[in-house]
Amino acid sequence: MSTQRSSARDPIFDSRQSFNNAALSGDVDTLVSLATDDIVCMSPNDTTVYGIAEWKAWWEEYFEYFRVVALSEPDRDVTMNGDFATEISSYMIAIVPVSGGSRIRDDGRQLTIWKRQADDSWKMWQTIWNSTRPIGIGTNRYMSRLMQKKESPKP
């Protein structure tokens, strides 16, 4: 498995790179444009996101609290099945709280199913990821947000 394009068997490579670049730049519009209207997203320690409106709201809230400063996929494999591409990868991500604080690093794995569109483009249809780090470590956004709220001064 690799992040390098090795053959025509990986028609979603460019879409994945666009997704990663958008995450690094905080570009919600691009992240939304790369998803189907009926996307389903299951992120760790969070509710399931159903549909493009919830997907957009999830990313807007995420970037309200965090900035992605590093993102890589050391291993990546894509399996084609007609109009669907199943992507299995590992990732390393580093984020920093917008309000200040230490960099948070996480290592994990993800499973994403991409769906071919009528115009031959590929969009993210279903995705799930999880950390491979011990509980309490990593980019648990829920816990990080909770700690930020506890630390913020009361009006």
Protein backbone atom coordinates (compact mmCIF):
# COMPACT_ATOMS: atom_id res chain seq x y z
CA MET A 1 0.00 0.00 0.00
CA SER A 2 1.25 3.45 -0.84
CA THR A 3 0.17 7.02 -1.43
CA GLN A 4 1.98 6.95 -4.78
CA ARG A 5 -0.16 6.51 -7.90
CA SER A 6 1.09 3.31 -9.46
CA SER A 7 -1.50 2.61 -12.16
CA ALA A 8 -4.87 3.51 -13.65
CA ARG A 9 -6.44 1.29 -10.97
CA ASP A 10 -6.59 4.34 -8.68
CA PRO A 11 -9.02 6.81 -10.24
CA ILE A 12 -9.69 8.44 -6.85
CA PHE A 13 -6.09 9.46 -6.16
CA ASP A 14 -6.64 13.06 -7.29
CA SER A 15 -9.87 13.34 -5.27
CA ARG A 16 -8.10 12.05 -2.14
CA GLN A 17 -5.28 14.54 -2.64
CA SER A 18 -7.81 17.35 -3.05
CA PHE A 19 -9.53 16.22 0.14
CA ASN A 20 -6.26 16.16 2.10
CA ASN A 21 -5.22 19.58 0.77
CA ALA A 22 -8.63 21.02 1.67
CA ALA A 23 -8.35 19.63 5.20
CA LEU A 24 -4.90 21.20 5.55
CA SER A 25 -6.16 24.59 4.36
CA GLY A 26 -9.50 24.51 6.21
CA ASP A 27 -11.40 24.70 2.91
CA VAL A 28 -14.93 23.59 3.85
CA ASP A 29 -16.34 24.27 0.37
CA THR A 30 -13.90 21.85 -1.27
CA LEU A 31 -14.49 19.21 1.42
CA VAL A 32 -18.23 19.48 0.78
CA SER A 33 -17.78 19.36 -3.00
CA LEU A 34 -15.97 16.03 -2.68
CA ALA A 35 -18.91 14.31 -0.95
CA THR A 36 -22.17 12.89 -2.26
CA ASP A 37 -25.43 14.49 -1.13
CA ASP A 38 -26.18 11.33 0.90
CA ILE A 39 -22.75 10.95 2.53
CA VAL A 40 -22.51 8.96 5.77
CA CYS A 41 -19.57 9.71 8.06
CA MET A 42 -18.71 7.92 11.29
CA SER A 43 -15.91 9.69 13.11
CA PRO A 44 -14.59 8.49 16.48
CA ASN A 45 -16.46 9.47 19.64
CA ASP A 46 -19.06 11.44 17.72
CA THR A 47 -22.54 11.08 16.27
CA THR A 48 -22.95 9.77 12.74
CA VAL A 49 -23.23 12.43 10.05
CA TYR A 50 -25.99 11.87 7.48
CA GLY A 51 -26.11 13.97 4.34
CA ILE A 52 -24.27 16.91 2.88
CA ALA A 53 -25.77 19.55 5.23
CA GLU A 54 -24.57 17.69 8.33
CA TRP A 55 -21.20 17.03 6.64
CA LYS A 56 -20.75 20.75 6.01
CA ALA A 57 -21.81 21.64 9.58
CA TRP A 58 -19.38 19.02 10.98
CA TRP A 59 -16.44 20.54 9.10
CA GLU A 60 -17.44 24.12 9.97
CA GLU A 61 -17.51 23.20 13.65
CA TYR A 62 -14.25 21.27 13.35
CA PHE A 63 -12.40 24.27 11.92
CA GLU A 64 -13.96 26.51 14.55
CA TYR A 65 -11.91 24.58 17.12
CA PHE A 66 -8.96 23.06 15.21
CA ARG A 67 -6.48 23.66 12.44
CA VAL A 68 -4.86 20.72 10.64
CA VAL A 69 -1.09 21.26 10.45
CA ALA A 70 0.05 17.90 9.09
CA LEU A 71 -1.65 15.03 7.30
CA SER A 72 -0.17 12.00 5.57
CA GLU A 73 -1.22 8.52 4.52
CA PRO A 74 1.72 6.14 4.89
CA ASP A 75 -0.30 3.21 3.51
CA ARG A 76 -3.19 3.26 1.07
CA ASP A 77 -4.96 0.65 -1.03
CA VAL A 78 -7.87 1.05 -3.45
CA THR A 79 -10.13 -1.73 -4.73
CA MET A 80 -12.46 -1.03 -7.64
CA ASN A 81 -15.94 -2.53 -7.93
CA GLY A 82 -17.85 -0.99 -10.82
CA ASP A 83 -19.01 2.50 -9.82
CA PHE A 84 -17.53 2.16 -6.33
CA ALA A 85 -13.97 2.43 -5.07
CA THR A 86 -13.08 1.13 -1.61
CA GLU A 87 -10.13 2.92 -0.07
CA ILE A 88 -8.36 1.54 2.98
CA SER A 89 -5.54 3.60 4.43
CA SER A 90 -3.58 4.53 7.48
CA TYR A 91 -3.08 8.16 8.43
CA MET A 92 -1.06 10.48 10.59
CA ILE A 93 -2.67 13.79 11.44
CA ALA A 94 -1.57 16.68 13.63
CA ILE A 95 -3.93 19.43 14.69
CA VAL A 96 -3.67 22.48 16.91
CA PRO A 97 -6.50 24.08 18.87
CA VAL A 98 -7.52 27.42 17.35
CA SER A 99 -7.68 28.92 20.84
CA GLY A 100 -4.05 27.98 21.46
CA GLY A 101 -2.48 24.99 23.06
CA SER A 102 -0.32 22.03 22.25
CA ARG A 103 -0.23 20.20 18.99
CA ILE A 104 -2.25 16.97 19.05
CA ARG A 105 -1.07 14.02 16.96
CA ASP A 106 -3.05 10.97 16.00
CA ASP A 107 -2.33 7.85 14.00
CA GLY A 108 -5.16 5.75 12.69
CA ARG A 109 -6.85 3.97 9.87
CA GLN A 110 -9.81 4.74 7.66
CA LEU A 111 -12.20 3.06 5.30
CA THR A 112 -13.83 5.19 2.62
CA ILE A 113 -16.17 4.20 -0.17
CA TRP A 114 -16.13 6.55 -3.14
CA LYS A 115 -18.97 6.60 -5.68
CA ARG A 116 -18.59 7.42 -9.38
CA GLN A 117 -20.83 10.29 -10.45
CA ALA A 118 -22.68 10.75 -13.76
CA ASP A 119 -19.92 13.13 -14.94
CA ASP A 120 -17.27 10.41 -14.19
CA SER A 121 -15.96 12.27 -11.12
CA TRP A 122 -15.60 10.46 -7.80
CA LYS A 123 -17.19 11.59 -4.54
CA MET A 124 -16.92 10.32 -1.00
CA TRP A 125 -20.06 8.32 -0.19
CA GLN A 126 -19.32 6.61 3.13
CA THR A 127 -16.37 6.94 5.48
CA ILE A 128 -15.27 5.81 8.92
CA TRP A 129 -11.99 6.22 10.76
CA ASN A 130 -10.48 5.44 14.13
CA SER A 131 -7.33 6.01 16.11
CA THR A 132 -4.74 3.32 16.66
CA ARG A 133 -3.37 5.19 19.66
CA PRO A 134 -4.30 4.35 23.25
CA ILE A 135 -7.58 5.74 24.60
CA GLY A 136 -7.17 9.32 25.82
CA ILE A 137 -4.46 10.13 23.30
CA GLY A 138 -4.89 11.51 19.82
CA THR A 139 -7.33 13.82 18.16
CA ASN A 140 -10.48 13.08 20.11
CA ARG A 141 -12.18 16.33 19.14
CA TYR A 142 -15.01 15.82 21.61
CA MET A 143 -12.67 15.67 24.62
CA SER A 144 -10.49 18.47 23.29
CA ARG A 145 -13.54 20.71 22.77
CA LEU A 146 -14.84 19.85 26.23
CA MET A 147 -11.51 20.82 27.79
CA GLN A 148 -11.44 24.09 25.83
CA LYS A 149 -14.94 24.95 27.04
CA LYS A 150 -13.98 24.21 30.68
CA GLU A 151 -10.89 26.40 30.39
CA SER A 152 -12.62 29.39 28.78
CA PRO A 153 -13.44 32.24 31.15
CA LYS A 154 -17.06 32.75 32.18
CA PRO A 155 -18.65 36.05 31.01
